[in-house]
Every structure is written in structure tokens, then in C-alpha cells.
C-alpha atoms as a PDB file:
ATOM      1  CA  MET A   1     -54.109   3.574   0.893  1.00  0.00           C
ATOM      2  CA  ASN A   2     -55.982   5.204  -1.988  1.00  0.00           C
ATOM      3  CA  LEU A   3     -55.114   8.678  -3.265  1.00  0.00           C
ATOM      4  CA  LEU A   4     -57.186  11.017  -5.399  1.00  0.00           C
ATOM      5  CA  VAL A   5     -55.434  13.986  -7.043  1.00  0.00           C
ATOM      6  CA  TRP A   6     -57.704  16.919  -7.865  1.00  0.00           C
ATOM      7  CA  GLY A   7     -56.269  18.832 -10.799  1.00  0.00           C
ATOM      8  CA  LYS A   8     -55.100  15.884 -12.898  1.00  0.00           C
ATOM      9  CA  THR A   9     -54.479  17.948 -16.035  1.00  0.00           C
ATOM     10  CA  GLY A  10     -52.214  20.529 -14.382  1.00  0.00           C
ATOM     11  CA  LYS A  11     -48.438  20.325 -14.170  1.00  0.00           C
ATOM     12  CA  MET A  12     -48.426  19.726 -10.408  1.00  0.00           C
ATOM     13  CA  GLY A  13     -51.287  17.255 -10.556  1.00  0.00           C
ATOM     14  CA  LYS A  14     -49.517  15.167 -13.182  1.00  0.00           C
ATOM     15  CA  MET A  15     -46.259  15.245 -11.216  1.00  0.00           C
ATOM     16  CA  ILE A  16     -47.931  14.192  -7.958  1.00  0.00           C
ATOM     17  CA  MET A  17     -49.685  11.292  -9.687  1.00  0.00           C
ATOM     18  CA  THR A  18     -46.451  10.110 -11.310  1.00  0.00           C
ATOM     19  CA  MET A  19     -44.520  10.215  -8.033  1.00  0.00           C
ATOM     20  CA  ALA A  20     -47.353   8.571  -6.070  1.00  0.00           C
ATOM     21  CA  LYS A  21     -47.576   5.667  -8.524  1.00  0.00           C
ATOM     22  CA  GLU A  22     -43.874   5.003  -7.920  1.00  0.00           C
ATOM     23  CA  ASP A  23     -44.442   4.829  -4.150  1.00  0.00           C
ATOM     24  CA  PRO A  24     -45.669   1.411  -2.934  1.00  0.00           C
ATOM     25  CA  PHE A  25     -47.401   3.124   0.001  1.00  0.00           C
ATOM     26  CA  TRP A  26     -50.259   4.045  -2.323  1.00  0.00           C
ATOM     27  CA  HIS A  27     -52.524   1.177  -3.407  1.00  0.00           C
ATOM     28  CA  GLN A  28     -54.488   3.149  -5.989  1.00  0.00           C
ATOM     29  CA  VAL A  29     -53.811   6.565  -7.465  1.00  0.00           C
ATOM     30  CA  GLN A  30     -56.420   8.351  -9.534  1.00  0.00           C
ATOM     31  CA  GLY A  31     -56.847  11.857 -10.926  1.00  0.00           C
ATOM     32  CA  ILE A  32     -59.885  14.050 -11.289  1.00  0.00           C
ATOM     33  CA  SER A  33     -60.642  17.508 -12.652  1.00  0.00           C
ATOM     34  CA  SER A  34     -63.451  19.908 -11.830  1.00  0.00           C
ATOM     35  CA  HIS A  35     -65.049  19.079 -15.181  1.00  0.00           C
ATOM     36  CA  ASP A  36     -65.415  15.389 -14.255  1.00  0.00           C
ATOM     37  CA  ASP A  37     -68.416  13.852 -12.516  1.00  0.00           C
ATOM     38  CA  SER A  38     -66.922  13.111  -9.106  1.00  0.00           C
ATOM     39  CA  ASP A  39     -69.821  10.805  -8.162  1.00  0.00           C
ATOM     40  CA  SER A  40     -68.945   8.455 -11.032  1.00  0.00           C
ATOM     41  CA  TYR A  41     -65.514   7.617  -9.610  1.00  0.00           C
ATOM     42  CA  LEU A  42     -65.278   4.088  -8.234  1.00  0.00           C
ATOM     43  CA  LEU A  43     -62.186   4.856  -6.148  1.00  0.00           C
ATOM     44  CA  LYS A  44     -62.892   5.410  -2.442  1.00  0.00           C
ATOM     45  CA  PRO A  45     -60.006   7.705  -1.545  1.00  0.00           C
ATOM     46  CA  ASP A  46     -58.417   7.839   1.875  1.00  0.00           C
ATOM     47  CA  VAL A  47     -56.991  11.260   1.060  1.00  0.00           C
ATOM     48  CA  VAL A  48     -57.421  13.936  -1.608  1.00  0.00           C
ATOM     49  CA  ILE A  49     -54.630  16.257  -2.774  1.00  0.00           C
ATOM     50  CA  ASP A  50     -55.904  19.418  -4.455  1.00  0.00           C
ATOM     51  CA  PHE A  51     -53.736  21.374  -6.883  1.00  0.00           C
ATOM     52  CA  SER A  52     -56.414  22.831  -9.115  1.00  0.00           C
ATOM     53  CA  HIS A  53     -57.924  26.327  -9.062  1.00  0.00           C
ATOM     54  CA  PRO A  54     -59.602  28.490  -6.389  1.00  0.00           C
ATOM     55  CA  THR A  55     -62.932  28.221  -8.237  1.00  0.00           C
ATOM     56  CA  ALA A  56     -62.971  24.477  -7.509  1.00  0.00           C
ATOM     57  CA  LEU A  57     -62.825  24.937  -3.725  1.00  0.00           C
ATOM     58  CA  ASP A  58     -66.517  24.338  -2.959  1.00  0.00           C
ATOM     59  CA  GLN A  59     -66.502  21.167  -5.067  1.00  0.00           C
ATOM     60  CA  VAL A  60     -63.315  19.866  -3.439  1.00  0.00           C
ATOM     61  CA  LEU A  61     -64.489  20.549   0.119  1.00  0.00           C
ATOM     62  CA  GLU A  62     -67.928  19.035  -0.489  1.00  0.00           C
ATOM     63  CA  TYR A  63     -66.335  15.905  -1.951  1.00  0.00           C
ATOM     64  CA  ALA A  64     -63.931  15.388   0.972  1.00  0.00           C
ATOM     65  CA  VAL A  65     -66.465  16.147   3.718  1.00  0.00           C
ATOM     66  CA  LYS A  66     -69.115  13.911   2.127  1.00  0.00           C
ATOM     67  CA  ARG A  67     -66.707  10.954   1.871  1.00  0.00           C
ATOM     68  CA  LYS A  68     -64.975  11.636   5.197  1.00  0.00           C
ATOM     69  CA  CYS A  69     -61.501  11.519   3.643  1.00  0.00           C
ATOM     70  CA  SER A  70     -58.583  13.712   4.642  1.00  0.00           C
ATOM     71  CA  LEU A  71     -57.517  16.597   2.428  1.00  0.00           C
ATOM     72  CA  VAL A  72     -54.344  18.415   1.351  1.00  0.00           C
ATOM     73  CA  ILE A  73     -54.795  21.784  -0.376  1.00  0.00           C
ATOM     74  CA  GLY A  74     -51.863  23.257  -2.268  1.00  0.00           C
ATOM     75  CA  THR A  75     -53.912  25.591  -4.456  1.00  0.00           C
ATOM     76  CA  THR A  76     -53.303  29.296  -3.806  1.00  0.00           C
ATOM     77  CA  GLY A  77     -55.109  32.553  -4.584  1.00  0.00           C
ATOM     78  CA  TYR A  78     -57.972  32.238  -2.072  1.00  0.00           C
ATOM     79  CA  ASN A  79     -59.759  35.246  -0.594  1.00  0.00           C
ATOM     80  CA  GLU A  80     -60.709  35.616   3.080  1.00  0.00           C
ATOM     81  CA  LYS A  81     -64.155  34.089   2.574  1.00  0.00           C
ATOM     82  CA  GLU A  82     -62.677  31.007   0.913  1.00  0.00           C
ATOM     83  CA  LEU A  83     -60.061  30.613   3.652  1.00  0.00           C
ATOM     84  CA  LYS A  84     -62.911  30.604   6.185  1.00  0.00           C
ATOM     85  CA  LYS A  85     -64.515  27.743   4.250  1.00  0.00           C
ATOM     86  CA  ILE A  86     -61.270  25.758   4.503  1.00  0.00           C
ATOM     87  CA  GLU A  87     -61.127  26.407   8.232  1.00  0.00           C
ATOM     88  CA  GLU A  88     -64.744  25.295   8.666  1.00  0.00           C
ATOM     89  CA  ALA A  89     -64.184  22.059   6.711  1.00  0.00           C
ATOM     90  CA  SER A  90     -61.182  21.206   8.901  1.00  0.00           C
ATOM     91  CA  LYS A  91     -63.511  20.804  11.881  1.00  0.00           C
ATOM     92  CA  SER A  92     -64.738  17.516  10.407  1.00  0.00           C
ATOM     93  CA  LEU A  93     -61.590  16.124   8.743  1.00  0.00           C
ATOM     94  CA  PRO A  94     -57.780  16.341   8.859  1.00  0.00           C
ATOM     95  CA  LEU A  95     -56.825  19.130   6.451  1.00  0.00           C
ATOM     96  CA  VAL A  96     -53.403  20.449   5.505  1.00  0.00           C
ATOM     97  CA  TYR A  97     -53.432  23.836   3.798  1.00  0.00           C
ATOM     98  CA  ALA A  98     -50.093  25.310   2.741  1.00  0.00           C
ATOM     99  CA  THR A  99     -49.065  27.957   0.241  1.00  0.00           C
ATOM    100  CA  ASN A 100     -45.760  26.125  -0.245  1.00  0.00           C
ATOM    101  CA  MET A 101     -45.000  22.464   0.366  1.00  0.00           C
ATOM    102  CA  SER A 102     -41.189  22.570   0.468  1.00  0.00           C
ATOM    103  CA  LEU A 103     -39.005  22.231   3.583  1.00  0.00           C
ATOM    104  CA  GLY A 104     -36.769  25.110   2.542  1.00  0.00           C
ATOM    105  CA  MET A 105     -39.639  27.530   2.029  1.00  0.00           C
ATOM    106  CA  ASN A 106     -41.126  26.715   5.410  1.00  0.00           C
ATOM    107  CA  LEU A 107     -37.732  27.355   7.004  1.00  0.00           C
ATOM    108  CA  MET A 108     -37.800  30.683   5.145  1.00  0.00           C
ATOM    109  CA  PHE A 109     -41.127  31.565   6.774  1.00  0.00           C
ATOM    110  CA  SER A 110     -39.608  30.944  10.210  1.00  0.00           C
ATOM    111  CA  MET A 111     -36.406  32.867   9.447  1.00  0.00           C
ATOM    112  CA  VAL A 112     -38.128  36.021   8.188  1.00  0.00           C
ATOM    113  CA  GLU A 113     -40.361  36.022  11.240  1.00  0.00           C
ATOM    114  CA  LYS A 114     -37.340  35.751  13.532  1.00  0.00           C
ATOM    115  CA  ALA A 115     -35.449  38.478  11.648  1.00  0.00           C
ATOM    116  CA  ALA A 116     -38.435  40.827  11.817  1.00  0.00           C
ATOM    117  CA  SER A 117     -38.866  40.206  15.547  1.00  0.00           C
ATOM    118  CA  VAL A 118     -35.262  41.303  16.159  1.00  0.00           C
ATOM    119  CA  LEU A 119     -34.961  44.178  13.666  1.00  0.00           C
ATOM    120  CA  LYS A 120     -38.447  45.640  14.232  1.00  0.00           C
ATOM    121  CA  ASN A 121     -38.756  49.244  12.977  1.00  0.00           C
ATOM    122  CA  SER A 122     -35.039  49.791  12.321  1.00  0.00           C
ATOM    123  CA  VAL A 123     -35.246  48.505   8.721  1.00  0.00           C
ATOM    124  CA  ASP A 124     -37.149  48.853   5.466  1.00  0.00           C
ATOM    125  CA  ILE A 125     -38.565  45.524   4.280  1.00  0.00           C
ATOM    126  CA  GLU A 126     -38.938  44.481   0.640  1.00  0.00           C
ATOM    127  CA  VAL A 127     -40.270  41.182  -0.736  1.00  0.00           C
ATOM    128  CA  VAL A 128     -39.609  40.091  -4.337  1.00  0.00           C
ATOM    129  CA  GLU A 129     -41.025  36.899  -5.847  1.00  0.00           C
ATOM    130  CA  ALA A 130     -40.463  35.437  -9.309  1.00  0.00           C
ATOM    131  CA  HIS A 131     -42.324  32.662 -11.133  1.00  0.00           C
ATOM    132  CA  HIS A 132     -42.890  31.289 -14.637  1.00  0.00           C
ATOM    133  CA  ASN A 133     -44.969  33.258 -17.116  1.00  0.00           C
ATOM    134  CA  ARG A 134     -47.982  30.940 -16.770  1.00  0.00           C
ATOM    135  CA  LYS A 135     -48.635  31.588 -13.069  1.00  0.00           C
ATOM    136  CA  LYS A 136     -52.082  33.123 -12.694  1.00  0.00           C
ATOM    137  CA  ASP A 137     -51.983  34.843  -9.291  1.00  0.00           C
ATOM    138  CA  ALA A 138     -49.750  37.626  -8.015  1.00  0.00           C
ATOM    139  CA  PRO A 139     -48.256  38.043  -5.579  1.00  0.00           C
ATOM    140  CA  SER A 140     -47.669  34.336  -5.002  1.00  0.00           C
ATOM    141  CA  GLY A 141     -49.272  32.541  -2.082  1.00  0.00           C
ATOM    142  CA  SER A 142     -45.812  31.999  -0.621  1.00  0.00           C
ATOM    143  CA  ALA A 143     -45.068  35.734  -0.818  1.00  0.00           C
ATOM    144  CA  ARG A 144     -48.287  36.404   1.057  1.00  0.00           C
ATOM    145  CA  THR A 145     -47.246  33.907   3.734  1.00  0.00           C
ATOM    146  CA  ILE A 146     -43.825  35.574   3.940  1.00  0.00           C
ATOM    147  CA  VAL A 147     -45.503  38.920   4.591  1.00  0.00           C
ATOM    148  CA  GLU A 148     -47.767  37.354   7.219  1.00  0.00           C
ATOM    149  CA  SER A 149     -44.694  35.828   8.891  1.00  0.00           C
ATOM    150  CA  ILE A 150     -42.889  39.185   8.867  1.00  0.00           C
ATOM    151  CA  GLU A 151     -45.896  40.921  10.407  1.00  0.00           C
ATOM    152  CA  LYS A 152     -46.129  38.219  13.048  1.00  0.00           C
ATOM    153  CA  GLY A 153     -42.494  38.896  13.938  1.00  0.00           C
ATOM    154  CA  LEU A 154     -43.079  42.654  13.967  1.00  0.00           C
ATOM    155  CA  GLY A 155     -46.152  42.227  16.131  1.00  0.00           C
ATOM    156  CA  GLU A 156     -48.200  44.491  13.879  1.00  0.00           C
ATOM    157  CA  LYS A 157     -49.810  44.785  10.466  1.00  0.00           C
ATOM    158  CA  ARG A 158     -48.208  47.116   7.917  1.00  0.00           C
ATOM    159  CA  SER A 159     -49.397  48.708   4.714  1.00  0.00           C
ATOM    160  CA  HIS A 160     -48.497  46.769   1.565  1.00  0.00           C
ATOM    161  CA  VAL A 161     -47.124  48.548  -1.495  1.00  0.00           C
ATOM    162  CA  HIS A 162     -47.258  46.521  -4.715  1.00  0.00           C
ATOM    163  CA  GLY A 163     -44.638  48.045  -6.997  1.00  0.00           C
ATOM    164  CA  ARG A 164     -43.792  51.734  -7.210  1.00  0.00           C
ATOM    165  CA  GLU A 165     -44.218  54.400  -9.848  1.00  0.00           C
ATOM    166  CA  GLY A 166     -43.966  58.181  -9.953  1.00  0.00           C
ATOM    167  CA  GLN A 167     -43.504  60.287  -6.819  1.00  0.00           C
ATOM    168  CA  CYS A 168     -43.527  57.739  -4.018  1.00  0.00           C
ATOM    169  CA  PRO A 169     -41.072  58.355  -1.170  1.00  0.00           C
ATOM    170  CA  ARG A 170     -40.923  55.274   1.030  1.00  0.00           C
ATOM    171  CA  ASN A 171     -42.875  55.108   4.256  1.00  0.00           C
ATOM    172  CA  THR A 172     -41.145  53.224   7.064  1.00  0.00           C
ATOM    173  CA  SER A 173     -44.418  51.539   8.031  1.00  0.00           C
ATOM    174  CA  GLU A 174     -44.834  49.735   4.709  1.00  0.00           C
ATOM    175  CA  ILE A 175     -43.723  46.443   3.179  1.00  0.00           C
ATOM    176  CA  GLY A 176     -42.868  46.508  -0.514  1.00  0.00           C
ATOM    177  CA  ILE A 177     -44.100  43.488  -2.489  1.00  0.00           C
ATOM    178  CA  HIS A 178     -42.984  42.912  -6.087  1.00  0.00           C
ATOM    179  CA  SER A 179     -43.815  40.150  -8.582  1.00  0.00           C
ATOM    180  CA  ILE A 180     -41.785  39.022 -11.588  1.00  0.00           C
ATOM    181  CA  ARG A 181     -43.164  36.674 -14.252  1.00  0.00           C
ATOM    182  CA  GLY A 182     -41.043  35.140 -16.983  1.00  0.00           C
ATOM    183  CA  GLY A 183     -39.875  31.992 -18.706  1.00  0.00           C
ATOM    184  CA  ASN A 184     -39.868  28.775 -16.689  1.00  0.00           C
ATOM    185  CA  ILE A 185     -38.861  30.109 -13.257  1.00  0.00           C
ATOM    186  CA  VAL A 186     -39.987  27.462 -10.771  1.00  0.00           C
ATOM    187  CA  GLY A 187     -40.097  29.848  -7.829  1.00  0.00           C
ATOM    188  CA  ARG A 188     -37.787  32.370  -6.198  1.00  0.00           C
ATOM    189  CA  HIS A 189     -38.524  34.443  -3.094  1.00  0.00           C
ATOM    190  CA  GLU A 190     -36.270  37.147  -1.712  1.00  0.00           C
ATOM    191  CA  VAL A 191     -36.731  39.219   1.444  1.00  0.00           C
ATOM    192  CA  SER A 192     -34.496  42.210   2.187  1.00  0.00           C
ATOM    193  CA  PHE A 193     -34.229  43.897   5.577  1.00  0.00           C
ATOM    194  CA  ILE A 194     -32.509  47.181   4.715  1.00  0.00           C
ATOM    195  CA  HIS A 195     -30.854  49.315   7.398  1.00  0.00           C
ATOM    196  CA  GLU A 196     -29.006  52.585   6.806  1.00  0.00           C
ATOM    197  CA  LEU A 197     -25.697  50.865   7.648  1.00  0.00           C
ATOM    198  CA  GLU A 198     -26.241  47.262   6.520  1.00  0.00           C
ATOM    199  CA  SER A 199     -28.702  44.891   4.897  1.00  0.00           C
ATOM    200  CA  ILE A 200     -29.791  41.291   5.335  1.00  0.00           C
ATOM    201  CA  THR A 201     -31.248  39.378   2.382  1.00  0.00           C
ATOM    202  CA  LEU A 202     -32.816  35.936   2.666  1.00  0.00           C
ATOM    203  CA  VAL A 203     -33.444  33.956  -0.520  1.00  0.00           C
ATOM    204  CA  HIS A 204     -35.188  30.681  -1.315  1.00  0.00           C
ATOM    205  CA  GLU A 205     -35.137  29.254  -4.821  1.00  0.00           C
ATOM    206  CA  ALA A 206     -36.822  26.050  -5.968  1.00  0.00           C
ATOM    207  CA  HIS A 207     -34.845  24.306  -8.718  1.00  0.00           C
ATOM    208  CA  ASN A 208     -37.442  21.663  -9.569  1.00  0.00           C
ATOM    209  CA  PRO A 209     -41.222  21.609  -8.970  1.00  0.00           C
ATOM    210  CA  SER A 210     -40.922  18.011  -7.740  1.00  0.00           C
ATOM    211  CA  VAL A 211     -39.975  19.491  -4.362  1.00  0.00           C
ATOM    212  CA  PHE A 212     -43.600  20.643  -4.008  1.00  0.00           C
ATOM    213  CA  ALA A 213     -45.014  17.286  -5.169  1.00  0.00           C
ATOM    214  CA  LYS A 214     -42.841  15.454  -2.640  1.00  0.00           C
ATOM    215  CA  GLY A 215     -44.057  17.742   0.127  1.00  0.00           C
ATOM    216  CA  ALA A 216     -47.695  17.271  -0.883  1.00  0.00           C
ATOM    217  CA  LEU A 217     -47.352  13.483  -0.694  1.00  0.00           C
ATOM    218  CA  GLU A 218     -45.709  13.749   2.730  1.00  0.00           C
ATOM    219  CA  ALA A 219     -48.596  15.947   3.836  1.00  0.00           C
ATOM    220  CA  ALA A 220     -51.084  13.360   2.540  1.00  0.00           C
ATOM    221  CA  LYS A 221     -49.429  10.620   4.616  1.00  0.00           C
ATOM    222  CA  PHE A 222     -49.457  12.930   7.648  1.00  0.00           C
ATOM    223  CA  THR A 223     -53.234  13.450   7.424  1.00  0.00           C
ATOM    224  CA  LEU A 224     -53.876   9.693   7.564  1.00  0.00           C
ATOM    225  CA  GLU A 225     -52.668   9.633  11.178  1.00  0.00           C
ATOM    226  CA  ALA A 226     -53.989  13.057  12.182  1.00  0.00           C
ATOM    227  CA  LYS A 227     -57.172  14.038  13.986  1.00  0.00           C
ATOM    228  CA  PRO A 228     -59.622  16.480  12.386  1.00  0.00           C
ATOM    229  CA  GLY A 229     -58.153  19.958  12.340  1.00  0.00           C
ATOM    230  CA  LEU A 230     -56.323  22.526  10.257  1.00  0.00           C
ATOM    231  CA  TYR A 231     -52.600  21.871   9.789  1.00  0.00           C
ATOM    232  CA  ASP A 232     -49.744  23.424   7.839  1.00  0.00           C
ATOM    233  CA  MET A 233     -46.364  22.174   6.623  1.00  0.00           C
ATOM    234  CA  LYS A 234     -44.682  23.012   9.933  1.00  0.00           C
ATOM    235  CA  ASP A 235     -46.918  20.326  11.466  1.00  0.00           C
ATOM    236  CA  VAL A 236     -46.107  17.880   8.658  1.00  0.00           C
ATOM    237  CA  LEU A 237     -42.357  18.498   8.928  1.00  0.00           C
ATOM    238  CA  GLY A 238     -42.324  18.406  12.723  1.00  0.00           C
ATOM    239  CA  MET A 239     -40.967  21.937  12.976  1.00  0.00           C
ATOM    240  CA  GLU A 240     -41.301  23.734  16.291  1.00  0.00           C
ATOM    241  CA  PRO A 241     -44.121  26.302  16.203  1.00  0.00           C
ATOM    242  CA  SER A 242     -42.856  29.888  16.260  1.00  0.00           C
END
């Protein structure tokens, strides 16, 4: 099978290419960036993995749809309009879109949803995420998915408060979301469910970014056997839907 990695100059793109070349499953592995002429590439990919930038989305989707190859998107920072484009493209090809490719993080999504479904309105909920100082978007895509999972468990949308300053007594119908950027932090996500008498805190911390590259390659293999449609890492990992 042939693999094309979109975002060859980025840290994740380089890591995925290195790991894929060590895996005999892949016959050819090639990288591309949005500045390259995609039509000049001789490789006919069976699957494309995209870890580039939200501005490359139209180019990535057009490439995959035109060549009828499956697609894995690990880029984050999309708006609602761009997410609709991803959903539309998945009608014609197998497409995995995930804000986090690791097993542990996807377990985290399920656990916060379960906790929220039990605790409901009895707790205040705070989400804190930390990443390296080069990360461009905030809050992280994974933090956004955490909040979505919490709201799914609650059965309702809540207002989102990004940081606090000045006179700001807490409203029980809000979710606090806080972003930390510094050094070489790979990724840390913490969710606190705070009751007047006790608290529950769930934490996931990635120690090495290779965990995301490994997940992306597993997702790529998954798409090769999948029918057209939109999938996430729960599908790839065989986790029971919540």
C-alpha cells in the first residue's frame, strides 16, 4: 500500500513518515506540503494522512476526492464551515477525522462523558490543557472534544468561559476552559468535576508525540478496509460507541 503524508515539513509529518518507512505494510511512503505541486507527484496513494494546517483543507480534500483515496485528518483548528466540508467529502471516501489519535485520550473522552452524565448539575466543571510554546491554536482540538463529550454527557450545551479576570463570580451553567503554552509540553489535559464536598479530576498526559503518529498510521490502515463515511478514533480502536 502507498501512503502520502500531507505536511511533510512539520514535526508530526516527519515522525509519521519515519515510522511508516519502518513498517513493511507500506510499499511507498512520500511526503507533500501545500506549497508543492500535487499533480506532479508520481505516487498513486491508497491513503493520505494530513497533519498540516487548516488553510490546506480545500487542497487536501480535493486531492483525495479526485484520486479516490482514503483520508486521515489529524489537523485541528477548523471552524464549523470547514468541518462541514470534511463531512461532505466523507460521503465519497473513507475518512477518519480525530482531534487526538491516542488510545488514552479517546478513553478520556469516554470517561468525562460518563462522569458528566452521572454528576450532572451538582458540580462545577473546569478544563485545563497545556502544550508546547509553538502550538498555534487554543484551546486545543482535544480540549474542544473534551467539552463536547462533557456536554453530551450532561445532555445540554453550556456557556464556555476562557480564562477569568476581574469581577467574575462563577455561574453553575458554565464550563471553564484554560490554555497553557510553554516549553516542549507534548500535551496534557485535565478535567475537574468540583463538588462542595469532594472533587474528581481526570488527567491524560502524552509523554511522546509518537503516540499520535502511531494512532494516525493505525487509522490509515483502518480506512483501507472501510466503506465511505466519516469515522473517528473510537471506530479505529474498536471502542464501543457511547
